[in-house]
Protein backbone atom coordinates (compact mmCIF):
# COMPACT_ATOMS: atom_id res chain seq x y z
CA UNK A 1 -23.66 -6.26 30.37
CA UNK A 2 -24.77 -4.17 27.35
CA UNK A 3 -27.65 -1.89 28.20
CA UNK A 4 -30.93 -1.56 26.21
CA UNK A 5 -29.63 1.64 24.75
CA UNK A 6 -26.25 0.28 23.64
CA UNK A 7 -27.33 -1.26 20.45
CA UNK A 8 -28.22 1.24 17.63
CA UNK A 9 -31.17 -0.82 16.33
CA UNK A 10 -32.97 0.17 19.47
CA UNK A 11 -33.08 3.73 18.27
CA UNK A 12 -30.13 5.62 19.70
CA UNK A 13 -27.41 6.42 17.15
CA UNK A 14 -24.77 7.43 19.76
CA UNK A 15 -23.01 3.98 19.67
CA UNK A 16 -23.09 2.17 16.30
CA UNK A 17 -23.50 -1.63 16.21
CA UNK A 18 -23.77 -2.24 12.42
CA UNK A 19 -23.28 -6.00 12.44
CA UNK A 20 -25.65 -6.53 15.28
CA UNK A 21 -28.09 -4.16 13.74
CA UNK A 22 -27.93 -6.04 10.34
CA UNK A 23 -28.72 -9.39 12.13
CA UNK A 24 -31.52 -7.68 14.18
CA UNK A 25 -33.24 -6.12 11.11
CA UNK A 26 -32.95 -9.24 9.05
CA UNK A 27 -33.61 -11.70 11.85
CA UNK A 28 -36.02 -11.73 14.85
CA UNK A 29 -35.77 -8.99 17.42
CA UNK A 30 -36.79 -10.14 20.94
CA UNK A 31 -38.67 -7.12 22.21
CA UNK A 32 -39.68 -8.58 25.57
CA UNK A 33 -36.47 -10.48 26.47
CA UNK A 34 -35.53 -10.86 30.08
CA UNK A 35 -32.20 -11.93 31.69
CA UNK A 36 -31.21 -11.92 35.37
CA UNK A 37 -29.91 -8.83 37.14
CA UNK A 38 -26.35 -10.15 37.32
CA UNK A 39 -23.71 -12.30 35.47
CA UNK A 40 -23.62 -15.57 37.36
CA UNK A 41 -27.45 -16.06 37.67
CA UNK A 42 -27.97 -15.27 33.94
CA UNK A 43 -25.36 -17.73 32.83
CA UNK A 44 -26.78 -20.40 35.13
CA UNK A 45 -30.20 -19.78 33.88
CA UNK A 46 -29.05 -20.00 30.25
CA UNK A 47 -27.25 -23.31 30.62
CA UNK A 48 -29.71 -25.05 33.04
CA UNK A 49 -33.06 -23.77 31.90
CA UNK A 50 -33.87 -23.18 35.64
CA UNK A 51 -34.59 -20.01 37.54
CA UNK A 52 -31.64 -19.04 39.86
CA UNK A 53 -33.99 -19.54 42.81
CA UNK A 54 -33.69 -23.26 42.13
CA UNK A 55 -29.85 -23.37 41.86
CA UNK A 56 -29.04 -21.18 44.90
CA UNK A 57 -27.71 -18.42 42.67
CA UNK A 58 -30.32 -15.86 43.11
CA UNK A 59 -28.17 -13.41 45.22
CA UNK A 60 -25.02 -11.61 43.94
CA UNK A 61 -22.55 -13.64 41.96
CA UNK A 62 -19.98 -16.40 42.50
CA UNK A 63 -16.79 -14.57 43.54
CA UNK A 64 -13.51 -16.02 42.46
CA UNK A 65 -12.71 -16.49 46.20
CA UNK A 66 -15.83 -18.54 47.01
CA UNK A 67 -15.63 -22.38 47.12
CA UNK A 68 -18.82 -23.04 45.30
CA UNK A 69 -20.27 -23.40 41.82
CA UNK A 70 -23.33 -24.21 39.66
CA UNK A 71 -24.58 -27.46 41.38
CA UNK A 72 -23.41 -30.58 39.65
CA UNK A 73 -26.82 -32.07 39.80
CA UNK A 74 -27.90 -29.98 36.82
CA UNK A 75 -27.51 -31.13 33.23
CA UNK A 76 -26.31 -28.26 31.12
CA UNK A 77 -27.10 -27.16 27.58
CA UNK A 78 -23.83 -28.41 26.02
CA UNK A 79 -24.46 -31.82 27.57
CA UNK A 80 -27.90 -31.82 26.12
CA UNK A 81 -26.61 -30.86 22.65
CA UNK A 82 -23.74 -33.37 22.82
CA UNK A 83 -26.46 -36.06 23.29
CA UNK A 84 -27.79 -34.96 19.99
CA UNK A 85 -24.36 -35.30 18.28
CA UNK A 86 -23.13 -31.67 18.62
CA UNK A 87 -19.46 -30.74 19.01
CA UNK A 88 -19.49 -28.15 21.81
CA UNK A 89 -17.02 -25.27 22.38
CA UNK A 90 -16.94 -22.49 25.04
CA UNK A 91 -14.98 -19.38 24.54
CA UNK A 92 -14.73 -16.46 27.01
CA UNK A 93 -16.43 -15.96 30.40
CA UNK A 94 -17.58 -18.88 32.60
CA UNK A 95 -18.35 -17.33 36.09
CA UNK A 96 -20.11 -20.48 37.38
CA UNK A 97 -17.36 -21.69 39.76
CA UNK A 98 -14.00 -23.27 39.61
CA UNK A 99 -12.89 -24.23 43.10
CA UNK A 100 -12.76 -27.87 41.87
CA UNK A 101 -12.09 -29.02 38.35
CA UNK A 102 -15.38 -30.76 38.13
CA UNK A 103 -17.04 -27.28 38.05
CA UNK A 104 -15.17 -25.97 35.11
CA UNK A 105 -16.33 -25.88 31.43
CA UNK A 106 -14.68 -28.98 30.03
CA UNK A 107 -16.22 -31.02 32.84
CA UNK A 108 -19.69 -29.62 32.28
CA UNK A 109 -20.23 -30.63 28.66
CA UNK A 110 -17.83 -28.47 26.51
CA UNK A 111 -15.20 -30.35 24.54
CA UNK A 112 -13.04 -27.26 24.33
CA UNK A 113 -12.62 -24.12 26.29
CA UNK A 114 -10.55 -21.00 25.88
CA UNK A 115 -11.28 -18.24 28.28
CA UNK A 116 -11.51 -17.29 31.91
CA UNK A 117 -13.31 -19.02 34.82
CA UNK A 118 -14.04 -15.97 37.07
CA UNK A 119 -15.97 -12.79 36.93
CA UNK A 120 -13.81 -10.55 34.74
CA UNK A 121 -10.23 -9.94 33.85
CA UNK A 122 -7.89 -7.23 32.61
CA UNK A 123 -8.36 -7.06 28.87
CA UNK A 124 -4.61 -7.36 28.12
CA UNK A 125 -3.05 -8.92 31.27
CA UNK A 126 -5.79 -11.41 31.72
CA UNK A 127 -5.53 -11.03 35.54
CA UNK A 128 -8.01 -10.41 38.25
CA UNK A 129 -6.89 -9.07 41.70
CA UNK A 130 -7.55 -11.18 44.80
CA UNK A 131 -10.07 -9.41 47.08
CA UNK A 132 -8.20 -10.45 50.24
CA UNK A 133 -5.56 -8.57 52.15
CA UNK A 134 -2.66 -9.57 49.97
CA UNK A 135 -4.34 -8.07 46.79
CA UNK A 136 -2.42 -10.61 44.64
CA UNK A 137 -2.90 -10.36 40.93
CA UNK A 138 -3.96 -13.69 39.39
CA UNK A 139 -3.84 -14.91 35.81
CA UNK A 140 -7.19 -16.26 34.76
CA UNK A 141 -6.88 -17.34 31.08
CA UNK A 142 -7.10 -21.02 30.13
CA UNK A 143 -6.91 -23.38 27.25
CA UNK A 144 -8.93 -26.18 28.64
CA UNK A 145 -7.23 -26.76 32.00
CA UNK A 146 -3.92 -25.22 31.06
CA UNK A 147 -2.90 -21.68 31.95
CA UNK A 148 -2.59 -19.64 28.69
CA UNK A 149 0.43 -17.59 29.64
CA UNK A 150 1.46 -17.17 26.01
CA UNK A 151 -1.79 -15.24 25.28
CA UNK A 152 -1.02 -12.50 27.82
CA UNK A 153 -0.99 -9.18 26.14
CA UNK A 154 -3.50 -9.97 23.48
CA UNK A 155 -6.72 -7.84 23.68
CA UNK A 156 -9.20 -10.39 24.89
CA UNK A 157 -12.06 -9.41 22.58
CA UNK A 158 -9.78 -10.04 19.61
CA UNK A 159 -8.24 -13.16 21.11
CA UNK A 160 -11.69 -14.84 21.53
CA UNK A 161 -12.71 -13.79 18.09
CA UNK A 162 -9.59 -15.44 16.60
CA UNK A 163 -10.34 -18.54 18.53
CA UNK A 164 -13.93 -18.57 17.17
CA UNK A 165 -12.71 -18.14 13.62
CA UNK A 166 -10.27 -21.00 14.02
CA UNK A 167 -12.96 -23.32 15.44
CA UNK A 168 -15.25 -22.53 12.40
CA UNK A 169 -12.51 -22.91 9.88
CA UNK A 170 -11.48 -26.31 11.15
CA UNK A 171 -14.94 -27.68 11.96
CA UNK A 172 -16.10 -30.67 9.83
CA UNK A 173 -19.26 -29.43 8.13
CA UNK A 174 -20.92 -32.83 8.42
CA UNK A 175 -21.07 -32.47 12.24
CA UNK A 176 -23.30 -30.06 14.06
CA UNK A 177 -21.52 -27.32 16.09
CA UNK A 178 -22.56 -25.47 19.26
CA UNK A 179 -20.24 -22.52 19.81
CA UNK A 180 -20.86 -20.52 22.92
CA UNK A 181 -18.85 -17.32 22.55
CA UNK A 182 -19.25 -15.40 25.86
CA UNK A 183 -17.28 -12.23 25.38
CA UNK A 184 -15.87 -10.24 28.29
CA UNK A 185 -16.73 -7.15 26.37
CA UNK A 186 -18.11 -4.72 27.24
CA UNK A 187 -17.80 -5.67 30.96
CA UNK A 188 -15.52 -3.51 33.12
CA UNK A 189 -12.02 -4.77 33.60
CA UNK A 190 -12.21 -3.94 37.32
CA UNK A 191 -12.48 -0.80 39.43
CA UNK A 192 -8.83 0.36 38.95
CA UNK A 193 -8.83 0.49 35.10
CA UNK A 194 -12.35 -0.39 34.02
CA UNK A 195 -12.43 0.72 30.34
CA UNK A 196 -9.79 -0.79 28.07
CA UNK A 197 -9.80 -0.74 24.22
CA UNK A 198 -7.42 -0.08 21.39
CA UNK A 199 -7.48 3.43 20.05
CA UNK A 200 -8.78 2.33 16.61
CA UNK A 201 -12.15 1.48 18.01
CA UNK A 202 -12.72 4.94 19.59
CA UNK A 203 -11.79 7.32 16.80
CA UNK A 204 -15.45 7.49 15.40
CA UNK A 205 -16.66 8.49 18.91
CA UNK A 206 -14.68 11.56 19.65
CA UNK A 207 -17.78 13.71 19.31
CA UNK A 208 -19.46 12.01 22.31
CA UNK A 209 -17.81 14.44 24.68
CA UNK A 210 -17.54 11.99 27.63
CA UNK A 211 -14.20 10.13 27.85
CA UNK A 212 -15.83 7.23 29.74
CA UNK A 213 -18.75 6.86 27.32
CA UNK A 214 -16.30 7.13 24.36
CA UNK A 215 -14.25 4.31 25.77
CA UNK A 216 -17.24 2.12 26.44
CA UNK A 217 -18.47 2.76 22.81
CA UNK A 218 -15.14 1.52 21.53
CA UNK A 219 -15.50 -1.67 23.59
CA UNK A 220 -18.87 -2.25 22.09
CA UNK A 221 -17.52 -1.57 18.63
CA UNK A 222 -14.89 -4.26 19.18
CA UNK A 223 -17.71 -6.63 20.18
CA UNK A 224 -19.71 -5.75 17.19
CA UNK A 225 -16.74 -6.29 14.91
CA UNK A 226 -16.40 -9.75 16.39
CA UNK A 227 -20.06 -10.47 15.49
CA UNK A 228 -19.36 -9.57 11.88
CA UNK A 229 -16.11 -11.59 11.63
CA UNK A 230 -17.86 -14.70 13.01
CA UNK A 231 -20.72 -14.28 10.64
CA UNK A 232 -18.40 -13.92 7.65
CA UNK A 233 -16.45 -17.05 8.76
CA UNK A 234 -19.62 -19.12 8.89
CA UNK A 235 -20.52 -17.91 5.38
CA UNK A 236 -17.03 -18.71 4.09
CA UNK A 237 -17.30 -22.20 5.52
CA UNK A 238 -20.75 -22.74 3.87
CA UNK A 239 -22.49 -23.16 7.23
CA UNK A 240 -24.88 -20.23 7.24
CA UNK A 241 -27.71 -22.04 5.60
CA UNK A 242 -28.09 -24.23 8.62
CA UNK A 243 -27.00 -21.90 11.44
CA UNK A 244 -28.97 -20.30 14.21
CA UNK A 245 -27.17 -17.10 15.25
CA UNK A 246 -28.14 -15.79 18.76
CA UNK A 247 -27.05 -12.49 20.32
CA UNK A 248 -27.94 -11.80 23.97
CA UNK A 249 -26.76 -9.51 26.74
CA UNK A 250 -26.67 -11.06 30.25
CA UNK A 251 -28.13 -8.10 32.15
CA UNK A 252 -28.75 -4.44 31.90
CA UNK A 253 -26.32 -1.60 31.99
CA UNK A 254 -23.88 -1.00 34.84
CA UNK A 255 -24.19 2.76 35.03
CA UNK A 256 -23.07 3.45 38.53
CA UNK A 257 -21.98 0.25 40.26
CA UNK A 258 -18.58 -0.56 41.77
CA UNK A 259 -17.55 -1.98 38.34
CA UNK A 260 -19.41 0.64 36.30
CA UNK A 261 -18.68 0.59 32.58
CA UNK A 262 -20.81 3.59 31.63
CA UNK A 263 -23.30 1.57 29.70
CA UNK A 264 -26.93 2.77 29.21
CA UNK A 265 -30.33 1.27 29.69
CA UNK A 266 -32.01 4.62 28.93
CA UNK A 267 -34.94 5.29 29.07
CA UNK A 268 -35.69 2.26 31.35
CA UNK A 269 -35.62 2.48 35.09
CA UNK A 270 -32.64 1.14 37.15
CA UNK A 271 -29.57 -0.79 36.16
CA UNK A 272 -27.65 -4.02 36.66
CA UNK A 273 -28.19 -5.51 40.14
CA UNK A 274 -31.90 -4.49 40.18
CA UNK A 275 -35.18 -6.09 39.06
CA UNK A 276 -36.18 -2.85 37.35
CA UNK A 277 -36.51 -2.98 33.48
CA UNK A 278 -33.10 -1.36 33.12
CA UNK A 279 -31.53 -4.23 35.06
CA UNK A 280 -33.25 -7.19 33.39
CA UNK A 281 -34.83 -6.22 30.06
CA UNK A 282 -31.99 -7.05 27.70
CA UNK A 283 -31.04 -6.78 24.03
CA UNK A 284 -31.41 -10.05 22.22
CA UNK A 285 -31.92 -11.35 18.69
CA UNK A 286 -31.76 -14.45 16.60
CA UNK A 287 -31.10 -14.91 12.90
CA UNK A 288 -31.40 -18.06 10.82
CA UNK A 289 -32.60 -19.18 7.44
CA UNK A 290 -34.02 -22.37 9.05
CA UNK A 291 -36.72 -20.26 10.89
CA UNK A 292 -38.58 -19.57 7.71
CA UNK A 293 -39.77 -16.47 5.86
CA UNK A 294 -40.64 -14.70 9.13
CA UNK A 295 -37.03 -14.61 10.27
CA UNK A 296 -35.52 -13.85 6.81
CA UNK A 297 -37.87 -10.82 6.48
CA UNK A 298 -37.09 -9.51 9.94
CA UNK A 299 -39.57 -8.86 12.59
CA UNK A 300 -40.36 -8.09 16.20
CA UNK A 301 -41.09 -10.98 18.51
CA UNK A 302 -43.42 -9.47 21.14
CA UNK A 303 -43.96 -12.56 23.38
CA UNK A 304 -42.22 -12.81 26.78
CA UNK A 305 -38.93 -14.52 26.36
CA UNK A 306 -36.75 -15.42 29.38
CA UNK A 307 -33.17 -16.43 29.32
CA UNK A 308 -34.12 -19.89 30.66
CA UNK A 309 -36.07 -20.33 27.44
CA UNK A 310 -32.89 -20.66 25.27
CA UNK A 311 -32.22 -24.35 26.55
CA UNK A 312 -35.48 -25.91 25.43
CA UNK A 313 -35.79 -23.65 22.30
CA UNK A 314 -32.32 -24.57 21.06
CA UNK A 315 -32.76 -28.20 22.02
CA UNK A 316 -36.00 -28.36 20.02
CA UNK A 317 -34.54 -26.59 16.99
CA UNK A 318 -31.62 -28.94 17.16
CA UNK A 319 -34.03 -31.93 16.90
CA UNK A 320 -34.68 -32.79 20.47
CA UNK A 321 -37.97 -33.18 22.25
CA UNK A 322 -38.41 -30.67 25.13
CA UNK A 323 -40.46 -33.18 27.08
CA UNK A 324 -37.12 -35.08 27.67
CA UNK A 325 -35.62 -32.08 29.47
CA UNK A 326 -37.43 -32.92 32.70
CA UNK A 327 -38.27 -30.29 35.35
CA UNK A 328 -37.07 -26.93 34.00
CA UNK A 329 -38.50 -23.43 34.03
CA UNK A 330 -37.66 -22.54 30.40
CA UNK A 331 -40.24 -23.09 27.64
CA UNK A 332 -39.54 -23.66 23.99
CA UNK A 333 -40.36 -20.90 21.54
CA UNK A 334 -39.41 -22.99 18.54
CA UNK A 335 -42.95 -23.51 17.21
CA UNK A 336 -43.78 -19.76 17.60
CA UNK A 337 -40.50 -18.80 15.82
CA UNK A 338 -40.64 -21.25 13.00
CA UNK A 339 -43.24 -19.71 10.71
CA UNK A 340 -44.35 -18.86 7.27
CA UNK A 341 -44.94 -15.09 7.66
CA UNK A 342 -48.64 -15.81 8.31
CA UNK A 343 -50.55 -12.67 9.65
CA UNK A 344 -52.05 -14.97 12.36
CA UNK A 345 -49.79 -14.46 15.49
CA UNK A 346 -48.77 -17.59 17.27
CA UNK A 347 -50.04 -18.11 20.81
CA UNK A 348 -47.57 -17.06 23.46
CA UNK A 349 -45.44 -19.87 24.73
CA UNK A 350 -44.91 -17.92 27.98
CA UNK A 351 -47.18 -15.50 29.84
CA UNK A 352 -45.38 -15.27 33.18
CA UNK A 353 -41.79 -15.11 34.50
CA UNK A 354 -40.06 -14.68 37.79
CA UNK A 355 -37.71 -11.80 37.60
CA UNK A 356 -35.99 -12.81 40.77
CA UNK A 357 -36.55 -13.59 44.49
CA UNK A 358 -33.71 -12.62 46.73
CA UNK A 359 -34.20 -13.28 50.46
CA UNK A 360 -30.91 -11.64 51.35
CA UNK A 361 -31.64 -8.28 49.71
CA UNK A 362 -35.21 -8.87 50.46
CA UNK A 363 -36.86 -8.12 47.16
CA UNK A 364 -38.84 -10.07 44.62
CA UNK A 365 -40.40 -9.37 41.19
CA UNK A 366 -42.64 -11.28 38.81
CA UNK A 367 -44.12 -10.48 35.31
CA UNK A 368 -47.69 -11.70 34.56
CA UNK A 369 -48.79 -10.86 31.04
CA UNK A 370 -48.16 -7.08 30.60
CA UNK A 371 -48.16 -6.42 34.41
CA UNK A 372 -44.97 -6.40 36.51
CA UNK A 373 -45.04 -6.66 40.23
CA UNK A 374 -42.17 -5.51 42.42
CA UNK A 375 -41.77 -6.08 46.28
CA UNK A 376 -38.83 -4.46 47.99
CA UNK A 377 -35.56 -3.10 46.52
CA UNK A 378 -32.18 -4.48 45.64
CA UNK A 379 -28.91 -3.00 47.01
CA UNK A 380 -30.88 -0.72 49.35
CA UNK A 381 -32.54 1.11 46.42
CA UNK A 382 -29.39 3.01 45.48
CA UNK A 383 -29.78 1.99 41.72
CA UNK A 384 -33.51 2.57 41.40
CA UNK A 385 -33.16 5.75 39.30
CA UNK A 386 -33.68 6.71 35.58
CA UNK A 387 -30.25 7.28 34.26
CA UNK A 388 -29.85 9.82 31.42
CA UNK A 389 -27.59 9.07 28.48
CA UNK A 390 -23.99 10.12 29.13
CA UNK A 391 -22.41 12.43 26.58
CA UNK A 392 -23.71 13.96 23.34
CA UNK A 393 -26.30 12.33 21.01
CA UNK A 394 -26.91 13.46 17.47
CA UNK A 395 -30.46 12.20 17.03
CA UNK A 396 -30.40 13.20 13.39
CA UNK A 397 -27.33 11.18 12.59
CA UNK A 398 -27.56 8.72 9.68
CA UNK A 399 -24.32 6.88 10.71
CA UNK A 400 -26.14 3.90 12.18
CA UNK A 401 -27.99 3.39 8.94
CA UNK A 402 -24.97 3.86 6.74
CA UNK A 403 -22.76 1.61 8.80
CA UNK A 404 -25.38 -1.13 8.95
CA UNK A 405 -25.84 -1.13 5.12
CA UNK A 406 -22.08 -1.34 4.67
CA UNK A 407 -21.49 -3.92 7.43
CA UNK A 408 -19.89 -7.34 6.85
CA UNK A 409 -23.18 -8.98 7.86
CA UNK A 410 -25.16 -7.04 5.24
CA UNK A 411 -22.51 -7.76 2.61
CA UNK A 412 -22.77 -11.49 3.39
CA UNK A 413 -26.57 -11.43 3.19
CA UNK A 414 -26.32 -9.71 -0.22
CA UNK A 415 -23.86 -12.28 -1.49
CA UNK A 416 -26.36 -14.92 -0.60
CA UNK A 417 -29.03 -13.34 -2.75
CA UNK A 418 -30.91 -11.54 0.06
CA UNK A 419 -31.91 -7.85 0.11
CA UNK A 420 -31.01 -6.85 3.69
CA UNK A 421 -32.76 -3.94 5.28
CA UNK A 422 -31.44 -1.67 8.12
CA UNK A 423 -34.70 -0.49 9.41
CA UNK A 424 -36.04 3.12 9.44
CA UNK A 425 -32.99 5.36 9.69
CA UNK A 426 -30.97 2.42 11.12
CA UNK A 427 -32.95 2.27 14.29
CA UNK A 428 -36.44 1.77 15.75
CA UNK A 429 -38.18 4.57 17.56
CA UNK A 430 -36.85 4.67 21.16
CA UNK A 431 -39.23 3.43 23.81
CA UNK A 432 -42.03 5.84 24.62
CA UNK A 433 -42.20 6.03 28.39
CA UNK A 434 -45.64 7.64 28.48
CA UNK A 435 -46.70 10.18 31.02
CA UNK A 436 -45.33 10.26 34.59
CA UNK A 437 -47.84 10.78 37.35
CA UNK A 438 -46.02 11.76 40.50
CA UNK A 439 -49.00 10.91 42.57
CA UNK A 440 -48.53 7.25 41.58
CA UNK A 441 -44.84 7.09 42.37
CA UNK A 442 -43.71 3.60 43.48
CA UNK A 443 -42.44 3.12 47.07
CA UNK A 444 -41.58 -0.56 47.13
CA UNK A 445 -40.15 -0.49 50.58
CA UNK A 446 -43.53 0.78 51.80
CA UNK A 447 -45.87 -1.41 49.75
CA UNK A 448 -45.51 -3.59 46.60
CA UNK A 449 -45.80 -1.83 43.26
CA UNK A 450 -47.62 -2.93 40.14
CA UNK A 451 -46.80 -1.60 36.69
CA UNK A 452 -48.60 -1.89 33.40
CA UNK A 453 -45.65 -2.44 31.10
CA UNK A 454 -47.69 -1.97 27.95
CA UNK A 455 -48.59 1.56 28.89
CA UNK A 456 -45.68 2.31 31.22
CA UNK A 457 -42.46 0.48 30.12
CA UNK A 458 -40.33 2.84 32.17
CA UNK A 459 -42.13 1.92 35.44
CA UNK A 460 -43.24 5.47 36.20
CA UNK A 461 -46.67 4.85 37.69
CA UNK A 462 -47.71 2.35 40.36
CA UNK A 463 -51.17 1.06 39.59
CA UNK A 464 -51.48 -1.42 42.46
CA UNK A 465 -54.43 0.45 43.96
CA UNK A 466 -56.35 -0.03 40.77
CA UNK A 467 -55.88 -3.78 40.62
CA UNK A 468 -56.18 -5.16 44.21
CA UNK A 469 -57.24 -8.65 43.14
CA UNK A 470 -54.25 -8.98 40.85
CA UNK A 471 -51.91 -7.74 43.62
CA UNK A 472 -53.32 -10.38 45.99
CA UNK A 473 -52.89 -13.18 43.28
CA UNK A 474 -49.31 -12.19 42.52
CA UNK A 475 -48.34 -12.01 46.17
CA UNK A 476 -49.65 -15.70 46.42
CA UNK A 477 -47.68 -16.73 43.31
CA UNK A 478 -44.49 -15.13 44.67
CA UNK A 479 -44.96 -16.92 47.96
CA UNK A 480 -45.38 -20.22 46.26
CA UNK A 481 -42.20 -19.71 44.24
CA UNK A 482 -40.34 -18.72 47.32
CA UNK A 483 -41.48 -21.59 49.30
CA UNK A 484 -40.25 -24.07 46.53
CA UNK A 485 -36.90 -22.28 46.17
CA UNK A 486 -33.43 -23.09 47.49
CA UNK A 487 -31.85 -20.75 49.91
CA UNK A 488 -28.99 -18.58 48.48
CA UNK A 489 -25.80 -20.56 48.43
CA UNK A 490 -23.42 -17.68 49.08
CA UNK A 491 -20.60 -18.56 51.41
CA UNK A 492 -17.55 -16.75 52.92
CA UNK A 493 -14.44 -16.24 50.81
CA UNK A 494 -11.73 -18.80 51.30
CA UNK A 495 -8.22 -17.36 51.98
CA UNK A 496 -6.74 -20.40 50.31
CA UNK A 497 -8.11 -19.15 47.01
CA UNK A 498 -5.43 -16.42 46.97
CA UNK A 499 -3.63 -16.64 43.61
CA UNK A 500 -0.49 -15.45 45.29
CA UNK A 501 -0.22 -18.98 46.79
CA UNK A 502 -0.07 -20.55 43.36
CA UNK A 503 2.40 -18.50 41.27
CA UNK A 504 -0.16 -15.66 40.78
CA UNK A 505 -2.72 -17.77 39.07
CA UNK A 506 -6.31 -18.58 39.87
CA UNK A 507 -6.57 -22.36 40.12
CA UNK A 508 -9.15 -25.04 41.45
CA UNK A 509 -7.65 -24.60 44.86
CA UNK A 510 -9.80 -27.25 46.58
CA UNK A 511 -8.24 -29.96 44.37
CA UNK A 512 -5.29 -31.91 45.84
CA UNK A 513 -2.24 -30.09 44.68
CA UNK A 514 0.70 -32.15 43.33
């Protein structure tokens, strides 16, 4: 849940992400990348290639207390890659259900899992509090099926990084590897103590002037350090020449929600939970030598890219044929990404995407080309604002550039004979929102709103009145999608999920207990 503004290659030097930046400037930056508004639906979309409206996960998230999960009828990305001979590992956050063992990672295609099954945990205790009346704390850290009590006390970002390094070090290089490292960072650790990070990560941010934003910045820096360490480990193992390295956030910033982490999607509208750009337009990149000169030279990929597209794209790059994937919503970008730096741009693999359709919150949104159509609001409209950057920003700072050039990723690239760049002053120009016309203010609870994202990326001006035929056609499209969708699968919490009943641990409580 990193916001658009929380990677320095997007233009704001307040928080520095030197390793992520070096990958971005020397790889491919996905400029029109969209995830879902929340954690569970994004992870489901990533692993199934299906819109959440077809898995019943389009509203809210799967709570630890809910006896449900990602439907077993779906074949997941690790299963697809295992069929191609890949060894598959999952580290970190699952958040796709665990009320029965068959819904957990090692039963869904991953050979190995170290991490947590629920929404989030304390970064040191690895616990999450039960939301029922007992408020029982529950351990949620596993090594495959086994509770990892011996790992308690280890900062989870560093713990997961150590596991990733061990996997890489011990992996036989003659076998293909799929490593899904789903960090908790920089998600909140919960409303009681949301921001947790060792002091060494926050020292460089004392000048921010906001304690919350400073702590969040430290959490992001720990994540960025992990990126650099993993990249170095791949180089040391001799695996980089045939590696595809993907970085993606799962939704926009959580600026003001119940689990706010003081992230930033500035200057975009809205935040996590919402269909606005600040909730779903996410930071993402990919780096690889195998993608040709275009990737090695660095570049912006301006085509629409949805989180469902990773499954067919990765599957094709791994040697599979997307036609074998059956009925999915994701489209492969492999042919558009593999290039020879030709000036002729490839045709867009995707021109439309469903942002979400939520019949409980009663909102929907769709993107068609450079137009975005929004009907209704999420969460009663309480997060529909434009949130300023919290704390101080030195826009003239050169720290992002200097740290990128000195980063482990840049050092590795130089050792391989490359001449890595770190962009203009370390960051691109921030998004230009254009001119706000208050006469065109959007009121989505009164009438649907249409935005021209090419001219108005910050969703200032409703242009529905200027494009009545397009509005009609998009209403028809949304209705067709809604008619074909599953109803939201949310169900009441089960009091038998209470970890206090099982030695203060979250377990698959619907399994027969010994």
